[in-house]
Amino acid sequence: MIHFVLHDASDTVAVVVVEGVKAGMALTGWIMDEDRMVDIVARQDIPIGHKVALKAMKPGDTVIKYGIDMGKVVAPIEAGEHAHVQNIKTKRW
């Protein structure tokens, strides 16, 4: 079962595409550009449509989604954690 998708292997976050992702769950993701799978363990509950961090990131790091810069980290994020407004902000303002 595919739990999350990412477009590019360099993405640092991916989108959860199923309901019910709970902390401790083993997740399988699909890298669309390479048509291959990757695995990660969820460290937090993550709602459908939200992002899961694919690697540890520190404040100031750039967040890559769909192969493009989509913001910056403002609070530490561990791989498998929920990546959202509590730890990512836009660089536009």
N, C-alpha and C. Protein backbone atom coordinates (compact mmCIF):
# COMPACT_ATOMS: atom_id res chain seq x y z
N MET A 1 0.84 -1.18 0.00
CA MET A 1 0.00 0.00 0.00
C MET A 1 0.89 1.25 0.00
N ILE A 2 0.52 2.22 -0.79
CA ILE A 2 1.23 3.50 -0.83
C ILE A 2 0.59 4.45 0.19
N HIS A 3 1.40 4.96 1.12
CA HIS A 3 0.93 5.87 2.16
C HIS A 3 1.26 7.33 1.86
N PHE A 4 2.33 7.56 1.09
CA PHE A 4 2.71 8.93 0.75
C PHE A 4 3.36 8.95 -0.63
N VAL A 5 3.33 10.13 -1.26
CA VAL A 5 3.95 10.27 -2.58
C VAL A 5 4.88 11.47 -2.59
N LEU A 6 5.94 11.34 -3.40
CA LEU A 6 6.84 12.44 -3.66
C LEU A 6 7.22 12.39 -5.12
N HIS A 7 7.51 13.53 -5.69
CA HIS A 7 7.82 13.59 -7.11
C HIS A 7 9.28 13.29 -7.40
N ASP A 8 10.16 13.78 -6.58
CA ASP A 8 11.59 13.75 -6.86
C ASP A 8 12.33 13.14 -5.67
N ALA A 9 13.35 12.37 -5.92
CA ALA A 9 14.12 11.74 -4.85
C ALA A 9 14.80 12.78 -3.94
N SER A 10 14.96 14.02 -4.43
CA SER A 10 15.57 15.06 -3.60
C SER A 10 14.55 15.76 -2.69
N ASP A 11 13.26 15.43 -2.81
CA ASP A 11 12.25 16.03 -1.93
C ASP A 11 12.57 15.72 -0.47
N THR A 12 12.36 16.70 0.40
CA THR A 12 12.59 16.49 1.83
C THR A 12 11.30 16.23 2.59
N VAL A 13 10.17 16.45 1.92
CA VAL A 13 8.86 16.12 2.48
C VAL A 13 8.04 15.42 1.40
N ALA A 14 7.02 14.68 1.83
CA ALA A 14 6.12 14.00 0.91
C ALA A 14 4.70 14.15 1.43
N VAL A 15 3.72 13.96 0.55
CA VAL A 15 2.32 14.14 0.90
C VAL A 15 1.69 12.80 1.28
N VAL A 16 1.07 12.77 2.46
CA VAL A 16 0.35 11.58 2.92
C VAL A 16 -0.95 11.47 2.13
N VAL A 17 -1.22 10.29 1.57
CA VAL A 17 -2.38 10.11 0.69
C VAL A 17 -3.40 9.11 1.23
N VAL A 18 -3.27 8.73 2.50
CA VAL A 18 -4.24 7.84 3.13
C VAL A 18 -4.63 8.40 4.49
N GLU A 19 -5.80 8.02 4.95
CA GLU A 19 -6.24 8.40 6.29
C GLU A 19 -5.68 7.43 7.31
N GLY A 20 -5.59 7.89 8.54
CA GLY A 20 -5.25 7.00 9.64
C GLY A 20 -3.78 6.76 9.88
N VAL A 21 -2.91 7.66 9.41
CA VAL A 21 -1.47 7.49 9.69
C VAL A 21 -1.23 7.84 11.16
N LYS A 22 -0.73 6.86 11.89
CA LYS A 22 -0.49 7.00 13.33
C LYS A 22 0.99 6.85 13.65
N ALA A 23 1.41 7.47 14.73
CA ALA A 23 2.80 7.35 15.18
C ALA A 23 3.16 5.88 15.33
N GLY A 24 4.34 5.52 14.84
CA GLY A 24 4.82 4.15 14.91
C GLY A 24 4.50 3.30 13.70
N MET A 25 3.64 3.79 12.81
CA MET A 25 3.29 3.04 11.60
C MET A 25 4.44 3.03 10.61
N ALA A 26 4.67 1.88 10.00
CA ALA A 26 5.62 1.79 8.88
C ALA A 26 4.89 2.28 7.64
N LEU A 27 5.48 3.25 6.95
CA LEU A 27 4.86 3.85 5.77
C LEU A 27 5.68 3.53 4.53
N THR A 28 4.98 3.35 3.42
CA THR A 28 5.63 3.14 2.13
C THR A 28 5.27 4.31 1.24
N GLY A 29 6.29 4.87 0.58
CA GLY A 29 6.08 6.00 -0.32
C GLY A 29 6.54 5.68 -1.72
N TRP A 30 5.94 6.38 -2.67
CA TRP A 30 6.24 6.20 -4.09
C TRP A 30 6.94 7.45 -4.60
N ILE A 31 8.16 7.29 -5.11
CA ILE A 31 8.88 8.37 -5.78
C ILE A 31 8.45 8.33 -7.24
N MET A 32 7.62 9.27 -7.64
CA MET A 32 6.98 9.23 -8.96
C MET A 32 7.98 9.32 -10.10
N ASP A 33 8.97 10.23 -10.00
CA ASP A 33 9.91 10.42 -11.10
C ASP A 33 10.77 9.19 -11.38
N GLU A 34 10.96 8.36 -10.36
CA GLU A 34 11.82 7.18 -10.52
C GLU A 34 11.03 5.88 -10.48
N ASP A 35 9.73 5.97 -10.23
CA ASP A 35 8.85 4.81 -10.10
C ASP A 35 9.46 3.75 -9.17
N ARG A 36 9.83 4.23 -7.97
CA ARG A 36 10.35 3.29 -6.97
C ARG A 36 9.77 3.65 -5.60
N MET A 37 9.88 2.70 -4.69
CA MET A 37 9.29 2.85 -3.37
C MET A 37 10.37 3.15 -2.32
N VAL A 38 9.97 3.85 -1.26
CA VAL A 38 10.82 4.11 -0.10
C VAL A 38 9.99 3.88 1.16
N ASP A 39 10.65 3.60 2.25
CA ASP A 39 9.96 3.34 3.52
C ASP A 39 10.43 4.29 4.60
N ILE A 40 9.51 4.62 5.51
CA ILE A 40 9.82 5.45 6.67
C ILE A 40 8.83 5.09 7.77
N VAL A 41 9.19 5.36 9.00
CA VAL A 41 8.28 5.13 10.13
C VAL A 41 7.74 6.48 10.58
N ALA A 42 6.41 6.59 10.70
CA ALA A 42 5.79 7.82 11.18
C ALA A 42 6.11 8.00 12.66
N ARG A 43 6.58 9.19 13.02
CA ARG A 43 6.90 9.49 14.42
C ARG A 43 5.74 10.20 15.11
N GLN A 44 4.78 10.68 14.30
CA GLN A 44 3.61 11.37 14.82
C GLN A 44 2.41 10.98 13.96
N ASP A 45 1.21 11.22 14.46
CA ASP A 45 0.02 11.09 13.63
C ASP A 45 0.09 12.16 12.56
N ILE A 46 -0.30 11.81 11.33
CA ILE A 46 -0.24 12.77 10.22
C ILE A 46 -1.55 12.66 9.43
N PRO A 47 -2.30 13.77 9.32
CA PRO A 47 -3.56 13.74 8.58
C PRO A 47 -3.34 13.58 7.07
N ILE A 48 -4.33 13.03 6.40
CA ILE A 48 -4.29 12.91 4.95
C ILE A 48 -4.11 14.30 4.34
N GLY A 49 -3.29 14.40 3.30
CA GLY A 49 -3.04 15.67 2.63
C GLY A 49 -1.93 16.50 3.25
N HIS A 50 -1.48 16.11 4.43
CA HIS A 50 -0.39 16.84 5.09
C HIS A 50 0.94 16.19 4.73
N LYS A 51 2.03 16.83 5.14
CA LYS A 51 3.36 16.37 4.75
C LYS A 51 4.03 15.56 5.86
N VAL A 52 4.81 14.57 5.42
CA VAL A 52 5.68 13.82 6.32
C VAL A 52 7.12 14.19 5.96
N ALA A 53 7.94 14.46 6.98
CA ALA A 53 9.35 14.77 6.74
C ALA A 53 10.09 13.49 6.38
N LEU A 54 10.92 13.56 5.35
CA LEU A 54 11.67 12.40 4.90
C LEU A 54 13.08 12.36 5.46
N LYS A 55 13.51 13.46 6.07
CA LYS A 55 14.83 13.53 6.69
C LYS A 55 14.78 14.53 7.82
N ALA A 56 15.74 14.47 8.71
CA ALA A 56 15.84 15.45 9.79
C ALA A 56 16.24 16.79 9.19
N MET A 57 15.60 17.86 9.68
CA MET A 57 15.89 19.21 9.20
C MET A 57 15.97 20.15 10.39
N LYS A 58 16.81 21.17 10.26
CA LYS A 58 16.98 22.14 11.34
C LYS A 58 16.49 23.51 10.87
N PRO A 59 16.20 24.43 11.82
CA PRO A 59 15.75 25.76 11.43
C PRO A 59 16.70 26.40 10.42
N GLY A 60 16.10 26.98 9.39
CA GLY A 60 16.85 27.61 8.31
C GLY A 60 17.00 26.73 7.09
N ASP A 61 16.83 25.41 7.25
CA ASP A 61 16.93 24.50 6.10
C ASP A 61 15.80 24.77 5.10
N THR A 62 16.07 24.52 3.84
CA THR A 62 15.07 24.65 2.79
C THR A 62 14.26 23.36 2.70
N VAL A 63 12.95 23.51 2.55
CA VAL A 63 12.04 22.37 2.39
C VAL A 63 11.77 22.20 0.90
N ILE A 64 11.99 20.99 0.39
CA ILE A 64 11.78 20.69 -1.02
C ILE A 64 10.57 19.77 -1.16
N LYS A 65 9.60 20.21 -1.97
CA LYS A 65 8.39 19.44 -2.26
C LYS A 65 8.14 19.56 -3.75
N TYR A 66 7.82 18.45 -4.40
CA TYR A 66 7.62 18.42 -5.86
C TYR A 66 8.86 18.89 -6.60
N GLY A 67 10.04 18.73 -5.98
CA GLY A 67 11.28 19.12 -6.62
C GLY A 67 11.59 20.60 -6.56
N ILE A 68 10.78 21.38 -5.83
CA ILE A 68 11.01 22.83 -5.75
C ILE A 68 11.06 23.30 -4.29
N ASP A 69 11.67 24.45 -4.08
CA ASP A 69 11.76 25.10 -2.78
C ASP A 69 10.36 25.58 -2.39
N MET A 70 9.82 25.04 -1.29
CA MET A 70 8.48 25.46 -0.88
C MET A 70 8.46 26.15 0.48
N GLY A 71 9.63 26.38 1.06
CA GLY A 71 9.65 27.08 2.33
C GLY A 71 10.91 26.79 3.13
N LYS A 72 10.88 27.26 4.39
CA LYS A 72 12.03 27.06 5.27
C LYS A 72 11.56 26.46 6.60
N VAL A 73 12.44 25.73 7.21
CA VAL A 73 12.18 25.12 8.50
C VAL A 73 12.34 26.18 9.59
N VAL A 74 11.36 26.26 10.52
CA VAL A 74 11.43 27.23 11.61
C VAL A 74 11.53 26.55 12.98
N ALA A 75 11.34 25.25 13.02
CA ALA A 75 11.51 24.45 14.25
C ALA A 75 12.05 23.09 13.82
N PRO A 76 12.88 22.47 14.63
CA PRO A 76 13.47 21.19 14.23
C PRO A 76 12.42 20.15 13.85
N ILE A 77 12.74 19.37 12.82
CA ILE A 77 11.85 18.30 12.33
C ILE A 77 12.69 17.04 12.20
N GLU A 78 12.19 15.94 12.73
CA GLU A 78 12.85 14.64 12.58
C GLU A 78 12.18 13.88 11.44
N ALA A 79 12.91 12.98 10.82
CA ALA A 79 12.34 12.14 9.77
C ALA A 79 11.14 11.39 10.34
N GLY A 80 10.04 11.39 9.60
CA GLY A 80 8.83 10.71 10.02
C GLY A 80 7.85 11.60 10.76
N GLU A 81 8.25 12.84 11.06
CA GLU A 81 7.35 13.75 11.77
C GLU A 81 6.43 14.50 10.81
N HIS A 82 5.36 15.04 11.39
CA HIS A 82 4.39 15.86 10.68
C HIS A 82 5.05 17.19 10.33
N ALA A 83 5.16 17.50 9.06
CA ALA A 83 5.75 18.75 8.59
C ALA A 83 4.62 19.67 8.14
N HIS A 84 4.40 20.74 8.89
CA HIS A 84 3.25 21.62 8.62
C HIS A 84 3.56 23.02 9.16
N VAL A 85 2.54 23.81 9.41
CA VAL A 85 2.73 25.21 9.80
C VAL A 85 3.46 25.39 11.13
N GLN A 86 3.49 24.36 11.96
CA GLN A 86 4.19 24.47 13.24
C GLN A 86 5.71 24.43 13.08
N ASN A 87 6.19 23.96 11.92
CA ASN A 87 7.64 23.86 11.75
C ASN A 87 8.14 24.29 10.37
N ILE A 88 7.24 24.74 9.49
CA ILE A 88 7.62 25.22 8.15
C ILE A 88 6.89 26.54 7.87
N LYS A 89 7.60 27.47 7.28
CA LYS A 89 7.00 28.75 6.85
C LYS A 89 7.47 29.07 5.44
N THR A 90 6.70 29.89 4.75
CA THR A 90 7.07 30.34 3.42
C THR A 90 8.27 31.28 3.51
N LYS A 91 9.00 31.40 2.43
CA LYS A 91 10.11 32.36 2.36
C LYS A 91 9.64 33.68 1.74
N ARG A 92 8.39 33.75 1.38
CA ARG A 92 7.88 34.94 0.68
C ARG A 92 7.75 36.15 1.58
N TRP A 93 7.52 35.95 2.86
CA TRP A 93 7.42 37.07 3.79
C TRP A 93 7.84 36.66 5.16
